[in-house]
Amino acid sequence: MSDSKTYTISQVAEIYKINPTTLRYYERIGLLPPIPRQPNGNRYFTDDLNKWLEMIICLRHSGVPIEALIEYSQMVLEGEATLAAREKLLRQQRDLLLEKQANLQRSIDRLDHKIGLYESGAIAKEESYYREYGIDTDGKEKSND
């Protein structure tokens, strides 16, 4: 073992808010390299291993499927020959996240608008709520005649 700090699987699980079983699974399927073991058989994580885990968690939280993560991990192991493919994967994932972010912002804006209507008293009755959408309280759409 080197002089760098080491962490137990429980400590890593606590730091990253991830189940220890998930960490073992990630190791088993190849998302994490074989994790070093102490003489008693317990895994120990290093700062470098934790940095890799952070990237895996980031990609997983952003919606990258496990299969794509395994592919990405393999590409990293293959070295420089896969740099362009790895960059492409990360850029695609970033674009998807930006799209999700825009959709979430539209939803937040709509909810803020609706909350403002309630706070201002503009929506005090069920009728006025439906009126905003051009619907009579009997459920029929209003005609513009």
N, C-alpha and C. Protein backbone atom coordinates (compact mmCIF):
# COMPACT_ATOMS: atom_id res chain seq x y z
N MET A 1 0.84 -1.18 0.00
CA MET A 1 0.00 0.00 0.00
C MET A 1 0.88 1.24 0.00
N SER A 2 0.47 2.28 -0.75
CA SER A 2 1.25 3.51 -0.79
C SER A 2 0.87 4.42 0.36
N ASP A 3 1.46 5.61 0.37
CA ASP A 3 1.20 6.57 1.44
C ASP A 3 -0.14 7.29 1.26
N SER A 4 -0.79 7.13 0.12
CA SER A 4 -2.06 7.83 -0.09
C SER A 4 -3.13 7.25 0.83
N LYS A 5 -4.12 8.08 1.10
CA LYS A 5 -5.19 7.68 2.00
C LYS A 5 -6.00 6.54 1.38
N THR A 6 -6.46 5.66 2.22
CA THR A 6 -7.32 4.56 1.77
C THR A 6 -8.66 4.64 2.49
N TYR A 7 -9.66 4.03 1.86
CA TYR A 7 -11.02 4.08 2.36
C TYR A 7 -11.62 2.69 2.31
N THR A 8 -12.42 2.37 3.30
CA THR A 8 -13.16 1.11 3.28
C THR A 8 -14.35 1.26 2.34
N ILE A 9 -14.94 0.15 1.99
CA ILE A 9 -16.12 0.20 1.12
C ILE A 9 -17.26 0.97 1.80
N SER A 10 -17.37 0.84 3.12
CA SER A 10 -18.41 1.58 3.86
C SER A 10 -18.17 3.07 3.80
N GLN A 11 -16.91 3.48 3.92
CA GLN A 11 -16.59 4.90 3.85
C GLN A 11 -16.90 5.46 2.46
N VAL A 12 -16.53 4.72 1.44
CA VAL A 12 -16.79 5.16 0.06
C VAL A 12 -18.30 5.23 -0.17
N ALA A 13 -19.01 4.24 0.31
CA ALA A 13 -20.47 4.23 0.17
C ALA A 13 -21.08 5.46 0.82
N GLU A 14 -20.60 5.82 1.98
CA GLU A 14 -21.10 7.00 2.70
C GLU A 14 -20.74 8.29 1.96
N ILE A 15 -19.51 8.39 1.51
CA ILE A 15 -19.05 9.60 0.80
C ILE A 15 -19.90 9.86 -0.44
N TYR A 16 -20.14 8.80 -1.22
CA TYR A 16 -20.82 8.97 -2.50
C TYR A 16 -22.31 8.62 -2.46
N LYS A 17 -22.80 8.32 -1.27
CA LYS A 17 -24.23 7.99 -1.11
C LYS A 17 -24.64 6.88 -2.08
N ILE A 18 -23.87 5.81 -2.03
CA ILE A 18 -24.11 4.67 -2.91
C ILE A 18 -24.04 3.40 -2.07
N ASN A 19 -24.85 2.44 -2.37
CA ASN A 19 -24.90 1.20 -1.61
C ASN A 19 -23.62 0.38 -1.83
N PRO A 20 -23.05 -0.19 -0.76
CA PRO A 20 -21.87 -1.04 -0.93
C PRO A 20 -22.09 -2.19 -1.92
N THR A 21 -23.31 -2.71 -1.97
CA THR A 21 -23.62 -3.77 -2.92
C THR A 21 -23.44 -3.28 -4.36
N THR A 22 -23.81 -2.03 -4.60
CA THR A 22 -23.63 -1.44 -5.92
C THR A 22 -22.16 -1.34 -6.27
N LEU A 23 -21.34 -0.97 -5.30
CA LEU A 23 -19.89 -0.89 -5.53
C LEU A 23 -19.32 -2.26 -5.90
N ARG A 24 -19.76 -3.28 -5.19
CA ARG A 24 -19.30 -4.64 -5.49
C ARG A 24 -19.76 -5.06 -6.89
N TYR A 25 -20.99 -4.70 -7.23
CA TYR A 25 -21.54 -5.00 -8.55
C TYR A 25 -20.72 -4.29 -9.64
N TYR A 26 -20.42 -3.02 -9.43
CA TYR A 26 -19.61 -2.27 -10.40
C TYR A 26 -18.25 -2.93 -10.60
N GLU A 27 -17.67 -3.44 -9.53
CA GLU A 27 -16.39 -4.14 -9.67
C GLU A 27 -16.58 -5.44 -10.46
N ARG A 28 -17.63 -6.19 -10.13
CA ARG A 28 -17.87 -7.49 -10.76
C ARG A 28 -18.09 -7.36 -12.27
N ILE A 29 -18.78 -6.30 -12.71
CA ILE A 29 -19.08 -6.16 -14.14
C ILE A 29 -18.01 -5.37 -14.89
N GLY A 30 -17.00 -4.91 -14.19
CA GLY A 30 -15.88 -4.26 -14.85
C GLY A 30 -15.94 -2.75 -14.93
N LEU A 31 -16.90 -2.13 -14.26
CA LEU A 31 -16.92 -0.67 -14.23
C LEU A 31 -15.80 -0.12 -13.35
N LEU A 32 -15.46 -0.88 -12.35
CA LEU A 32 -14.31 -0.54 -11.50
C LEU A 32 -13.25 -1.60 -11.73
N PRO A 33 -12.00 -1.19 -11.71
CA PRO A 33 -10.95 -2.20 -11.83
C PRO A 33 -10.97 -3.08 -10.59
N PRO A 34 -10.28 -4.20 -10.61
CA PRO A 34 -10.22 -5.02 -9.39
C PRO A 34 -9.76 -4.16 -8.22
N ILE A 35 -10.55 -4.15 -7.17
CA ILE A 35 -10.26 -3.30 -6.02
C ILE A 35 -9.26 -4.01 -5.12
N PRO A 36 -8.17 -3.32 -4.74
CA PRO A 36 -7.18 -3.95 -3.86
C PRO A 36 -7.82 -4.43 -2.56
N ARG A 37 -7.22 -5.44 -1.99
CA ARG A 37 -7.72 -6.01 -0.73
C ARG A 37 -6.66 -5.91 0.35
N GLN A 38 -7.14 -5.73 1.55
CA GLN A 38 -6.26 -5.78 2.72
C GLN A 38 -5.99 -7.25 3.05
N PRO A 39 -5.02 -7.53 3.90
CA PRO A 39 -4.74 -8.93 4.25
C PRO A 39 -5.96 -9.69 4.76
N ASN A 40 -6.90 -8.98 5.41
CA ASN A 40 -8.10 -9.64 5.92
C ASN A 40 -9.17 -9.83 4.84
N GLY A 41 -8.88 -9.41 3.59
CA GLY A 41 -9.82 -9.61 2.49
C GLY A 41 -10.73 -8.42 2.21
N ASN A 42 -10.72 -7.44 3.10
CA ASN A 42 -11.57 -6.26 2.88
C ASN A 42 -11.02 -5.40 1.75
N ARG A 43 -11.93 -4.89 0.93
CA ARG A 43 -11.53 -3.98 -0.14
C ARG A 43 -11.06 -2.66 0.46
N TYR A 44 -10.11 -2.04 -0.22
CA TYR A 44 -9.76 -0.66 0.15
C TYR A 44 -9.67 0.18 -1.11
N PHE A 45 -10.23 1.35 -1.02
CA PHE A 45 -10.27 2.28 -2.14
C PHE A 45 -9.21 3.35 -1.93
N THR A 46 -8.61 3.79 -3.03
CA THR A 46 -7.61 4.86 -2.99
C THR A 46 -8.24 6.13 -3.57
N ASP A 47 -7.55 7.25 -3.41
CA ASP A 47 -8.05 8.50 -3.99
C ASP A 47 -8.20 8.37 -5.50
N ASP A 48 -7.25 7.73 -6.17
CA ASP A 48 -7.34 7.57 -7.62
C ASP A 48 -8.55 6.72 -8.01
N LEU A 49 -8.79 5.66 -7.29
CA LEU A 49 -9.95 4.82 -7.56
C LEU A 49 -11.24 5.60 -7.33
N ASN A 50 -11.24 6.42 -6.29
CA ASN A 50 -12.42 7.25 -6.00
C ASN A 50 -12.68 8.25 -7.12
N LYS A 51 -11.62 8.80 -7.71
CA LYS A 51 -11.81 9.74 -8.83
C LYS A 51 -12.49 9.03 -10.00
N TRP A 52 -12.07 7.81 -10.28
CA TRP A 52 -12.70 7.03 -11.35
C TRP A 52 -14.16 6.75 -11.00
N LEU A 53 -14.40 6.37 -9.74
CA LEU A 53 -15.76 6.10 -9.29
C LEU A 53 -16.64 7.35 -9.44
N GLU A 54 -16.09 8.52 -9.14
CA GLU A 54 -16.85 9.76 -9.31
C GLU A 54 -17.32 9.94 -10.75
N MET A 55 -16.45 9.60 -11.69
CA MET A 55 -16.82 9.72 -13.10
C MET A 55 -17.92 8.73 -13.45
N ILE A 56 -17.80 7.51 -12.97
CA ILE A 56 -18.83 6.50 -13.22
C ILE A 56 -20.16 6.95 -12.63
N ILE A 57 -20.14 7.45 -11.40
CA ILE A 57 -21.37 7.91 -10.75
C ILE A 57 -21.96 9.08 -11.52
N CYS A 58 -21.12 10.01 -11.94
CA CYS A 58 -21.58 11.16 -12.72
C CYS A 58 -22.30 10.70 -13.99
N LEU A 59 -21.67 9.80 -14.71
CA LEU A 59 -22.26 9.30 -15.95
C LEU A 59 -23.55 8.53 -15.67
N ARG A 60 -23.55 7.74 -14.61
CA ARG A 60 -24.74 6.96 -14.26
C ARG A 60 -25.89 7.88 -13.89
N HIS A 61 -25.61 8.90 -13.07
CA HIS A 61 -26.65 9.84 -12.66
C HIS A 61 -27.17 10.65 -13.84
N SER A 62 -26.35 10.81 -14.86
CA SER A 62 -26.79 11.57 -16.03
C SER A 62 -27.57 10.70 -17.01
N GLY A 63 -27.75 9.43 -16.67
CA GLY A 63 -28.60 8.58 -17.48
C GLY A 63 -27.88 7.62 -18.41
N VAL A 64 -26.57 7.56 -18.33
CA VAL A 64 -25.84 6.63 -19.20
C VAL A 64 -26.16 5.20 -18.75
N PRO A 65 -26.63 4.36 -19.67
CA PRO A 65 -26.94 2.97 -19.29
C PRO A 65 -25.68 2.20 -18.89
N ILE A 66 -25.86 1.19 -18.07
CA ILE A 66 -24.75 0.37 -17.60
C ILE A 66 -23.93 -0.17 -18.77
N GLU A 67 -24.61 -0.63 -19.82
CA GLU A 67 -23.90 -1.20 -20.96
C GLU A 67 -22.95 -0.18 -21.59
N ALA A 68 -23.40 1.08 -21.70
CA ALA A 68 -22.56 2.14 -22.27
C ALA A 68 -21.41 2.47 -21.33
N LEU A 69 -21.66 2.38 -20.02
CA LEU A 69 -20.58 2.61 -19.05
C LEU A 69 -19.50 1.54 -19.16
N ILE A 70 -19.93 0.32 -19.36
CA ILE A 70 -18.96 -0.77 -19.53
C ILE A 70 -18.14 -0.52 -20.79
N GLU A 71 -18.83 -0.11 -21.86
CA GLU A 71 -18.13 0.20 -23.11
C GLU A 71 -17.13 1.35 -22.90
N TYR A 72 -17.56 2.39 -22.19
CA TYR A 72 -16.68 3.53 -21.91
C TYR A 72 -15.46 3.08 -21.11
N SER A 73 -15.69 2.26 -20.10
CA SER A 73 -14.59 1.74 -19.27
C SER A 73 -13.60 0.96 -20.12
N GLN A 74 -14.12 0.14 -21.03
CA GLN A 74 -13.24 -0.62 -21.93
C GLN A 74 -12.43 0.32 -22.81
N MET A 75 -13.09 1.37 -23.31
CA MET A 75 -12.38 2.33 -24.17
C MET A 75 -11.25 3.01 -23.40
N VAL A 76 -11.48 3.33 -22.14
CA VAL A 76 -10.43 3.95 -21.32
C VAL A 76 -9.24 3.00 -21.22
N LEU A 77 -9.52 1.73 -20.99
CA LEU A 77 -8.44 0.74 -20.89
C LEU A 77 -7.67 0.59 -22.20
N GLU A 78 -8.35 0.82 -23.32
CA GLU A 78 -7.70 0.70 -24.62
C GLU A 78 -6.77 1.86 -24.94
N GLY A 79 -6.87 2.93 -24.17
CA GLY A 79 -5.93 4.03 -24.32
C GLY A 79 -6.26 5.05 -25.39
N GLU A 80 -5.20 5.66 -25.92
CA GLU A 80 -5.33 6.80 -26.82
C GLU A 80 -6.14 6.52 -28.08
N ALA A 81 -6.15 5.31 -28.54
CA ALA A 81 -6.88 4.98 -29.77
C ALA A 81 -8.38 5.27 -29.65
N THR A 82 -8.89 5.38 -28.43
CA THR A 82 -10.32 5.58 -28.23
C THR A 82 -10.67 6.98 -27.75
N LEU A 83 -9.72 7.89 -27.75
CA LEU A 83 -9.97 9.24 -27.24
C LEU A 83 -11.15 9.91 -27.94
N ALA A 84 -11.19 9.85 -29.26
CA ALA A 84 -12.28 10.51 -30.01
C ALA A 84 -13.63 9.89 -29.67
N ALA A 85 -13.69 8.58 -29.57
CA ALA A 85 -14.95 7.90 -29.25
C ALA A 85 -15.42 8.26 -27.84
N ARG A 86 -14.48 8.35 -26.90
CA ARG A 86 -14.85 8.72 -25.53
C ARG A 86 -15.36 10.15 -25.48
N GLU A 87 -14.68 11.04 -26.19
CA GLU A 87 -15.13 12.43 -26.21
C GLU A 87 -16.53 12.53 -26.82
N LYS A 88 -16.76 11.78 -27.88
CA LYS A 88 -18.08 11.79 -28.53
C LYS A 88 -19.15 11.32 -27.56
N LEU A 89 -18.89 10.24 -26.84
CA LEU A 89 -19.86 9.73 -25.87
C LEU A 89 -20.17 10.79 -24.81
N LEU A 90 -19.14 11.45 -24.29
CA LEU A 90 -19.34 12.47 -23.26
C LEU A 90 -20.10 13.67 -23.81
N ARG A 91 -19.79 14.08 -25.02
CA ARG A 91 -20.50 15.21 -25.63
C ARG A 91 -21.98 14.87 -25.86
N GLN A 92 -22.25 13.66 -26.32
CA GLN A 92 -23.63 13.24 -26.52
C GLN A 92 -24.39 13.25 -25.20
N GLN A 93 -23.75 12.76 -24.16
CA GLN A 93 -24.42 12.73 -22.86
C GLN A 93 -24.65 14.14 -22.33
N ARG A 94 -23.69 15.02 -22.56
CA ARG A 94 -23.85 16.41 -22.13
C ARG A 94 -25.02 17.06 -22.87
N ASP A 95 -25.14 16.81 -24.17
CA ASP A 95 -26.26 17.35 -24.95
C ASP A 95 -27.60 16.85 -24.41
N LEU A 96 -27.66 15.57 -24.06
CA LEU A 96 -28.90 15.03 -23.48
C LEU A 96 -29.23 15.70 -22.16
N LEU A 97 -28.22 15.93 -21.34
CA LEU A 97 -28.43 16.60 -20.05
C LEU A 97 -28.91 18.03 -20.25
N LEU A 98 -28.34 18.74 -21.21
CA LEU A 98 -28.78 20.11 -21.49
C LEU A 98 -30.23 20.13 -21.94
N GLU A 99 -30.63 19.15 -22.72
CA GLU A 99 -32.02 19.05 -23.15
C GLU A 99 -32.93 18.79 -21.95
N LYS A 100 -32.53 17.87 -21.09
CA LYS A 100 -33.31 17.59 -19.87
C LYS A 100 -33.40 18.84 -19.00
N GLN A 101 -32.28 19.55 -18.89
CA GLN A 101 -32.25 20.77 -18.08
C GLN A 101 -33.24 21.80 -18.64
N ALA A 102 -33.27 21.97 -19.95
CA ALA A 102 -34.20 22.92 -20.57
C ALA A 102 -35.64 22.50 -20.32
N ASN A 103 -35.93 21.21 -20.42
CA ASN A 103 -37.28 20.71 -20.15
C ASN A 103 -37.67 20.94 -18.70
N LEU A 104 -36.74 20.69 -17.80
CA LEU A 104 -37.01 20.93 -16.38
C LEU A 104 -37.25 22.41 -16.12
N GLN A 105 -36.47 23.28 -16.76
CA GLN A 105 -36.65 24.72 -16.56
C GLN A 105 -38.01 25.17 -17.05
N ARG A 106 -38.47 24.63 -18.19
CA ARG A 106 -39.81 24.97 -18.68
C ARG A 106 -40.88 24.54 -17.67
N SER A 107 -40.70 23.38 -17.08
CA SER A 107 -41.67 22.90 -16.08
C SER A 107 -41.64 23.78 -14.84
N ILE A 108 -40.46 24.15 -14.40
CA ILE A 108 -40.33 25.03 -13.23
C ILE A 108 -40.99 26.37 -13.52
N ASP A 109 -40.74 26.92 -14.70
CA ASP A 109 -41.35 28.21 -15.07
C ASP A 109 -42.86 28.12 -15.07
N ARG A 110 -43.41 27.02 -15.59
CA ARG A 110 -44.86 26.85 -15.62
C ARG A 110 -45.43 26.74 -14.21
N LEU A 111 -44.76 25.98 -13.37
CA LEU A 111 -45.21 25.85 -11.98
C LEU A 111 -45.11 27.19 -11.24
N ASP A 112 -44.03 27.94 -11.47
CA ASP A 112 -43.90 29.26 -10.85
C ASP A 112 -45.04 30.18 -11.28
N HIS A 113 -45.39 30.12 -12.56
CA HIS A 113 -46.51 30.91 -13.07
C HIS A 113 -47.80 30.54 -12.34
N LYS A 114 -48.04 29.24 -12.24
CA LYS A 114 -49.28 28.78 -11.60
C LYS A 114 -49.30 29.15 -10.12
N ILE A 115 -48.17 28.98 -9.44
CA ILE A 115 -48.08 29.36 -8.02
C ILE A 115 -48.36 30.85 -7.87
N GLY A 116 -47.82 31.66 -8.78
CA GLY A 116 -48.06 33.11 -8.74
C GLY A 116 -49.54 33.43 -8.88
N LEU A 117 -50.25 32.70 -9.71
CA LEU A 117 -51.69 32.92 -9.86
C LEU A 117 -52.43 32.60 -8.57
N TYR A 118 -52.01 31.54 -7.90
CA TYR A 118 -52.64 31.21 -6.61
C TYR A 118 -52.31 32.27 -5.57
N GLU A 119 -51.05 32.68 -5.51
CA GLU A 119 -50.63 33.67 -4.51
C GLU A 119 -51.32 35.02 -4.72
N SER A 120 -51.55 35.39 -5.97
CA SER A 120 -52.17 36.68 -6.26
C SER A 120 -53.68 36.65 -6.09
N GLY A 121 -54.23 35.47 -5.94
CA GLY A 121 -55.67 35.35 -5.83
C GLY A 121 -56.37 35.25 -7.17
N ALA A 122 -55.61 35.25 -8.24
CA ALA A 122 -56.21 35.16 -9.58
C ALA A 122 -56.91 33.82 -9.76
N ILE A 123 -56.46 32.83 -9.05
CA ILE A 123 -57.15 31.54 -9.07
C ILE A 123 -57.72 31.33 -7.68
N ALA A 124 -58.96 31.76 -7.54
CA ALA A 124 -59.61 31.62 -6.25
C ALA A 124 -60.72 30.58 -6.32
N LYS A 125 -61.15 30.30 -7.53
CA LYS A 125 -62.23 29.34 -7.71
C LYS A 125 -61.84 28.37 -8.82
N GLU A 126 -62.47 27.23 -8.79
CA GLU A 126 -62.21 26.23 -9.82
C GLU A 126 -62.50 26.78 -11.21
N GLU A 127 -63.57 27.60 -11.33
CA GLU A 127 -63.94 28.13 -12.64
C GLU A 127 -62.80 28.95 -13.25
N SER A 128 -62.16 29.78 -12.43
CA SER A 128 -61.11 30.64 -12.99
C SER A 128 -59.90 29.81 -13.40
N TYR A 129 -59.67 28.71 -12.72
CA TYR A 129 -58.55 27.83 -13.10
C TYR A 129 -58.78 27.29 -14.50
N TYR A 130 -59.96 26.77 -14.74
CA TYR A 130 -60.26 26.20 -16.05
C TYR A 130 -60.36 27.29 -17.12
N ARG A 131 -60.83 28.48 -16.72
CA ARG A 131 -60.98 29.57 -17.68
C ARG A 131 -59.63 29.91 -18.32
N GLU A 132 -58.55 29.80 -17.56
CA GLU A 132 -57.22 30.09 -18.09
C GLU A 132 -56.91 29.22 -19.31
N TYR A 133 -57.49 28.04 -19.32
CA TYR A 133 -57.24 27.10 -20.42
C TYR A 133 -58.36 27.12 -21.46
N GLY A 134 -59.31 28.04 -21.32
CA GLY A 134 -60.39 28.12 -22.29
C GLY A 134 -61.40 27.00 -22.17
N ILE A 135 -61.57 26.47 -20.96
CA ILE A 135 -62.49 25.35 -20.75
C ILE A 135 -63.57 25.80 -19.78
N ASP A 136 -64.84 25.57 -20.17
CA ASP A 136 -65.95 25.83 -19.24
C ASP A 136 -65.90 24.79 -18.14
N THR A 137 -66.53 25.09 -17.02
CA THR A 137 -66.50 24.15 -15.90
C THR A 137 -67.27 22.87 -16.18
N ASP A 138 -68.09 22.87 -17.23
CA ASP A 138 -68.76 21.62 -17.58
C ASP A 138 -67.86 20.73 -18.45
N GLY A 139 -66.62 21.19 -18.69
CA GLY A 139 -65.64 20.39 -19.41
C GLY A 139 -65.61 20.62 -20.90
N LYS A 140 -66.48 21.49 -21.41
CA LYS A 140 -66.50 21.76 -22.84
C LYS A 140 -65.56 22.92 -23.16
N GLU A 141 -64.91 22.81 -24.30
CA GLU A 141 -64.05 23.91 -24.73
C GLU A 141 -64.91 25.07 -25.19
N LYS A 142 -64.44 26.29 -24.89
CA LYS A 142 -65.16 27.47 -25.34
C LYS A 142 -64.91 27.68 -26.82
N SER A 143 -65.93 28.12 -27.49
CA SER A 143 -65.74 28.45 -28.90
C SER A 143 -65.40 29.93 -29.00
N ASN A 144 -64.72 30.29 -30.04
CA ASN A 144 -64.33 31.68 -30.24
C ASN A 144 -65.33 32.41 -31.13
N ASP A 145 -66.58 31.93 -31.19
CA ASP A 145 -67.60 32.55 -32.05
C ASP A 145 -68.09 33.84 -31.46
